[in-house]
N, C-alpha and C. Protein backbone atom coordinates (compact mmCIF):
# COMPACT_ATOMS: atom_id res chain seq x y z
N MET A 1 207.69 213.14 -6.88
CA MET A 1 208.84 212.74 -7.44
C MET A 1 208.83 212.40 -9.08
N ALA A 2 209.91 212.94 -9.33
CA ALA A 2 210.31 213.12 -10.65
C ALA A 2 210.31 211.48 -11.17
N GLU A 3 209.52 211.14 -12.61
CA GLU A 3 210.13 210.05 -13.07
C GLU A 3 211.75 209.73 -13.29
N ASN A 4 212.42 208.36 -13.48
CA ASN A 4 213.70 208.71 -14.02
C ASN A 4 213.67 208.22 -15.41
N LYS A 5 214.92 208.12 -15.82
CA LYS A 5 214.60 208.15 -17.33
C LYS A 5 214.44 206.48 -17.86
N ASN A 6 215.09 205.48 -16.95
CA ASN A 6 214.24 204.20 -17.40
C ASN A 6 212.65 203.91 -17.55
N ASP A 7 211.66 204.47 -16.17
CA ASP A 7 210.51 204.94 -16.45
C ASP A 7 209.87 205.60 -17.76
N MET A 8 210.44 206.75 -17.98
CA MET A 8 210.05 207.67 -19.10
C MET A 8 210.37 207.28 -20.22
N GLU A 9 211.76 206.13 -21.06
CA GLU A 9 212.19 205.31 -22.32
C GLU A 9 210.65 204.05 -22.10
N ARG A 10 210.60 203.38 -21.31
CA ARG A 10 210.01 202.52 -21.02
C ARG A 10 208.59 202.73 -21.49
N GLU A 11 207.81 204.44 -20.79
CA GLU A 11 206.76 204.62 -20.87
C GLU A 11 206.62 205.02 -22.36
N GLU A 12 207.76 205.52 -23.35
CA GLU A 12 207.65 205.96 -24.43
C GLU A 12 207.55 204.87 -25.74
N TYR A 13 208.45 204.10 -25.05
CA TYR A 13 208.80 202.24 -25.84
C TYR A 13 206.81 201.92 -26.02
N PHE A 14 206.07 201.78 -24.69
CA PHE A 14 205.14 201.39 -24.81
C PHE A 14 204.04 202.13 -25.49
N LYS A 15 203.92 203.59 -25.25
CA LYS A 15 203.40 204.65 -26.35
C LYS A 15 203.54 204.34 -27.71
N ASP A 16 204.84 204.13 -28.14
CA ASP A 16 204.71 203.80 -29.70
C ASP A 16 204.69 202.66 -30.12
N ARG A 17 204.63 201.59 -29.32
CA ARG A 17 203.30 200.28 -29.88
C ARG A 17 201.60 200.94 -29.74
N ALA A 18 201.68 201.00 -29.25
CA ALA A 18 200.32 201.26 -28.39
C ALA A 18 199.37 201.49 -29.83
N GLY A 19 198.44 200.06 -29.89
CA GLY A 19 197.63 199.97 -31.37
C GLY A 19 198.18 200.15 -32.65
N THR A 20 199.69 199.29 -32.40
CA THR A 20 200.23 198.69 -33.67
C THR A 20 200.16 197.32 -33.55
N ASP A 21 200.26 196.62 -34.78
CA ASP A 21 200.34 195.16 -34.71
C ASP A 21 201.26 194.84 -33.81
N GLU A 22 202.70 195.40 -32.72
CA GLU A 22 203.69 195.13 -32.21
C GLU A 22 202.91 195.42 -30.71
N ALA A 23 201.94 195.65 -30.73
CA ALA A 23 201.24 196.24 -29.31
C ALA A 23 201.66 194.48 -28.44
N ARG A 24 202.20 194.08 -27.22
CA ARG A 24 202.05 193.08 -26.68
C ARG A 24 200.58 192.61 -25.55
N PHE A 25 200.37 191.40 -25.33
CA PHE A 25 199.55 191.00 -24.08
C PHE A 25 199.77 190.54 -22.90
N HIS A 26 199.71 191.19 -21.93
CA HIS A 26 199.76 190.80 -20.71
C HIS A 26 199.25 190.40 -19.61
N ALA A 27 199.23 189.46 -19.27
CA ALA A 27 198.47 189.07 -17.78
C ALA A 27 198.59 189.32 -16.78
N VAL A 28 197.81 190.11 -16.46
CA VAL A 28 198.30 191.29 -14.81
C VAL A 28 197.20 190.72 -13.58
N PRO A 29 197.63 191.14 -12.79
CA PRO A 29 197.02 190.98 -11.28
C PRO A 29 195.67 191.97 -11.40
N HIS A 30 194.65 192.53 -11.35
CA HIS A 30 193.34 193.18 -11.53
C HIS A 30 192.89 193.61 -10.29
N ASP A 31 192.13 194.46 -9.88
CA ASP A 31 191.44 194.50 -8.76
C ASP A 31 192.19 193.86 -7.59
N GLU A 32 191.32 193.12 -6.56
CA GLU A 32 191.68 192.85 -5.36
C GLU A 32 192.03 191.45 -5.62
N GLU A 33 191.24 190.72 -6.20
CA GLU A 33 191.81 189.06 -6.26
C GLU A 33 191.72 188.68 -7.67
N GLY A 34 191.52 189.70 -8.55
CA GLY A 34 191.71 189.06 -10.06
C GLY A 34 192.46 189.19 -10.89
N TRP A 35 192.23 188.54 -12.15
CA TRP A 35 193.32 188.59 -13.24
C TRP A 35 192.80 189.54 -14.31
N ALA A 36 193.69 189.89 -15.39
CA ALA A 36 193.84 190.65 -16.67
C ALA A 36 194.14 190.49 -17.75
N VAL A 37 193.90 190.68 -18.93
CA VAL A 37 194.85 190.48 -19.73
C VAL A 37 194.38 192.18 -20.75
N LYS A 38 195.60 192.43 -20.64
CA LYS A 38 195.47 193.78 -20.91
C LYS A 38 196.97 193.94 -22.34
N LYS A 39 196.25 194.76 -23.24
CA LYS A 39 197.14 194.97 -24.59
C LYS A 39 198.03 196.18 -24.25
N GLU A 40 198.89 196.39 -24.41
CA GLU A 40 199.63 197.31 -24.34
C GLU A 40 199.02 198.52 -25.03
N GLY A 41 199.64 200.00 -24.82
CA GLY A 41 199.01 200.99 -24.41
C GLY A 41 197.36 201.14 -24.40
N GLN A 42 196.22 200.27 -23.95
CA GLN A 42 195.47 200.50 -23.70
C GLN A 42 194.83 200.21 -21.90
N ASP A 43 194.02 201.32 -21.98
CA ASP A 43 193.63 201.35 -20.27
C ASP A 43 192.72 199.73 -19.77
N ASP A 44 191.81 199.81 -20.55
CA ASP A 44 190.63 198.58 -20.64
C ASP A 44 191.47 197.17 -20.67
N PRO A 45 190.83 196.65 -19.71
CA PRO A 45 191.04 195.39 -20.57
C PRO A 45 190.69 194.59 -21.41
N GLU A 46 191.25 193.48 -22.10
CA GLU A 46 190.33 192.83 -23.00
C GLU A 46 189.97 191.73 -22.63
N LEU A 47 190.31 191.21 -21.31
CA LEU A 47 189.40 190.01 -20.45
C LEU A 47 190.07 190.41 -18.72
N THR A 48 188.65 190.02 -18.43
CA THR A 48 189.56 190.25 -16.99
C THR A 48 188.02 188.53 -15.94
N THR A 49 189.19 188.08 -14.88
CA THR A 49 188.99 187.08 -14.86
C THR A 49 189.21 187.09 -13.03
N GLY A 50 188.77 185.69 -12.51
CA GLY A 50 189.15 185.47 -11.55
C GLY A 50 190.46 184.36 -11.47
N SER A 51 190.73 184.23 -12.48
CA SER A 51 191.54 183.07 -12.58
C SER A 51 192.82 183.41 -13.28
N LYS A 52 194.40 183.20 -12.99
CA LYS A 52 195.19 183.19 -13.15
C LYS A 52 195.59 182.65 -14.57
N SER A 53 195.56 181.35 -14.05
CA SER A 53 195.57 180.57 -15.65
C SER A 53 194.80 180.98 -16.87
N GLU A 54 193.36 181.53 -16.66
CA GLU A 54 192.71 181.63 -17.29
C GLU A 54 193.11 182.97 -17.89
N ALA A 55 193.55 183.74 -17.21
CA ALA A 55 194.40 184.88 -18.22
C ALA A 55 195.37 184.87 -18.59
N VAL A 56 196.55 183.95 -18.09
CA VAL A 56 197.06 182.97 -19.18
C VAL A 56 197.31 182.92 -20.36
N ASN A 57 196.19 182.08 -20.43
CA ASN A 57 195.68 181.22 -21.66
C ASN A 57 195.12 181.81 -22.80
N GLU A 58 194.52 182.97 -21.98
CA GLU A 58 193.83 183.81 -23.20
C GLU A 58 195.20 185.26 -23.46
N ALA A 59 196.18 185.10 -23.15
CA ALA A 59 197.36 186.42 -23.15
C ALA A 59 197.64 185.52 -24.24
N LYS A 60 197.97 184.45 -23.80
CA LYS A 60 198.88 183.79 -24.80
C LYS A 60 197.78 183.22 -26.18
N ARG A 61 196.87 183.52 -26.28
CA ARG A 61 195.98 182.85 -27.42
C ARG A 61 196.06 184.20 -28.45
N MET A 62 195.78 185.62 -27.67
CA MET A 62 196.11 186.82 -28.27
C MET A 62 196.95 186.91 -28.96
N ALA A 63 198.15 186.96 -28.38
CA ALA A 63 199.10 187.26 -28.66
C ALA A 63 199.67 186.28 -30.01
N GLU A 64 199.46 184.92 -29.52
CA GLU A 64 199.23 184.08 -30.83
C GLU A 64 198.81 184.47 -32.38
N GLU A 65 197.49 185.03 -32.11
CA GLU A 65 196.89 185.12 -33.27
C GLU A 65 197.47 186.23 -34.09
N ALA A 66 197.67 187.25 -32.67
CA ALA A 66 198.45 188.69 -33.69
C ALA A 66 200.07 188.65 -33.73
N GLY A 67 200.16 187.47 -33.58
CA GLY A 67 201.76 187.19 -34.23
C GLY A 67 202.92 187.83 -33.18
N THR A 68 202.51 188.33 -31.95
CA THR A 68 203.23 189.28 -31.00
C THR A 68 203.77 188.42 -29.80
N MET A 69 203.70 189.02 -29.00
CA MET A 69 204.28 188.25 -27.43
C MET A 69 203.29 188.41 -26.55
N ALA A 70 203.26 187.52 -25.39
CA ALA A 70 202.32 187.71 -24.15
C ALA A 70 203.45 187.71 -23.42
N TYR A 71 203.43 188.58 -22.18
CA TYR A 71 203.81 188.48 -20.98
C TYR A 71 203.09 188.23 -20.01
N ILE A 72 203.69 187.45 -19.18
CA ILE A 72 202.80 186.87 -17.53
C ILE A 72 203.53 187.58 -16.48
N HIS A 73 202.81 188.19 -15.49
CA HIS A 73 202.79 188.92 -14.60
C HIS A 73 202.69 188.00 -13.10
N ASP A 74 203.46 188.48 -11.92
CA ASP A 74 203.57 187.63 -10.73
C ASP A 74 202.42 188.53 -10.08
N GLU A 75 202.05 188.35 -8.90
CA GLU A 75 200.91 188.72 -8.29
C GLU A 75 201.24 190.20 -7.53
N ASP A 76 202.87 190.57 -7.77
CA ASP A 76 203.39 191.70 -7.67
C ASP A 76 203.94 192.98 -8.88
N GLY A 77 203.45 192.14 -9.88
CA GLY A 77 203.37 192.71 -11.20
C GLY A 77 204.64 193.04 -11.94
N LYS A 78 205.66 191.56 -11.52
CA LYS A 78 206.67 191.49 -12.08
C LYS A 78 206.41 190.69 -13.01
N ILE A 79 207.30 190.73 -13.96
CA ILE A 79 206.96 189.55 -15.17
C ILE A 79 207.57 188.84 -14.74
N GLU A 80 207.51 187.55 -15.08
CA GLU A 80 207.48 186.02 -14.58
C GLU A 80 207.80 185.46 -15.54
N ASP A 81 207.09 185.52 -16.69
CA ASP A 81 207.65 185.08 -18.16
C ASP A 81 207.03 185.41 -19.24
N GLN A 82 207.66 184.96 -19.97
CA GLN A 82 206.92 185.62 -21.52
C GLN A 82 206.67 184.07 -22.73
N PHE A 83 206.28 184.78 -23.62
CA PHE A 83 206.31 183.85 -24.76
C PHE A 83 205.94 184.70 -26.05
N ASN A 84 207.37 184.11 -27.18
CA ASN A 84 206.93 185.01 -28.42
C ASN A 84 206.45 184.20 -29.08
N TYR A 85 205.33 184.77 -29.75
CA TYR A 85 204.73 184.44 -31.14
C TYR A 85 205.27 185.40 -32.20
N SER A 86 205.93 185.85 -32.46
CA SER A 86 206.08 187.18 -33.35
C SER A 86 206.72 185.97 -34.73
N ASN A 87 206.41 186.43 -35.77
CA ASN A 87 206.80 185.34 -37.15
C ASN A 87 208.21 185.65 -37.41
């Protein structure tokens, strides 16, 4: 099945920010029961943990330190909250 226009635009948006100071941090479900913090544009997580709260706290800390945003996802991968630490 072909990607729809929104998927392609979102992919291009993330690719443009990857490796820049604008890359944001996401607390996301990882593996079977774990959680991870991923920086946009990177395949490998910055952190993996069994605790959602630890992933959320770390994503927020990293975003605050970088002056960007943290996105918190639910168990289904949908964004449930966001925190803006940009200057």
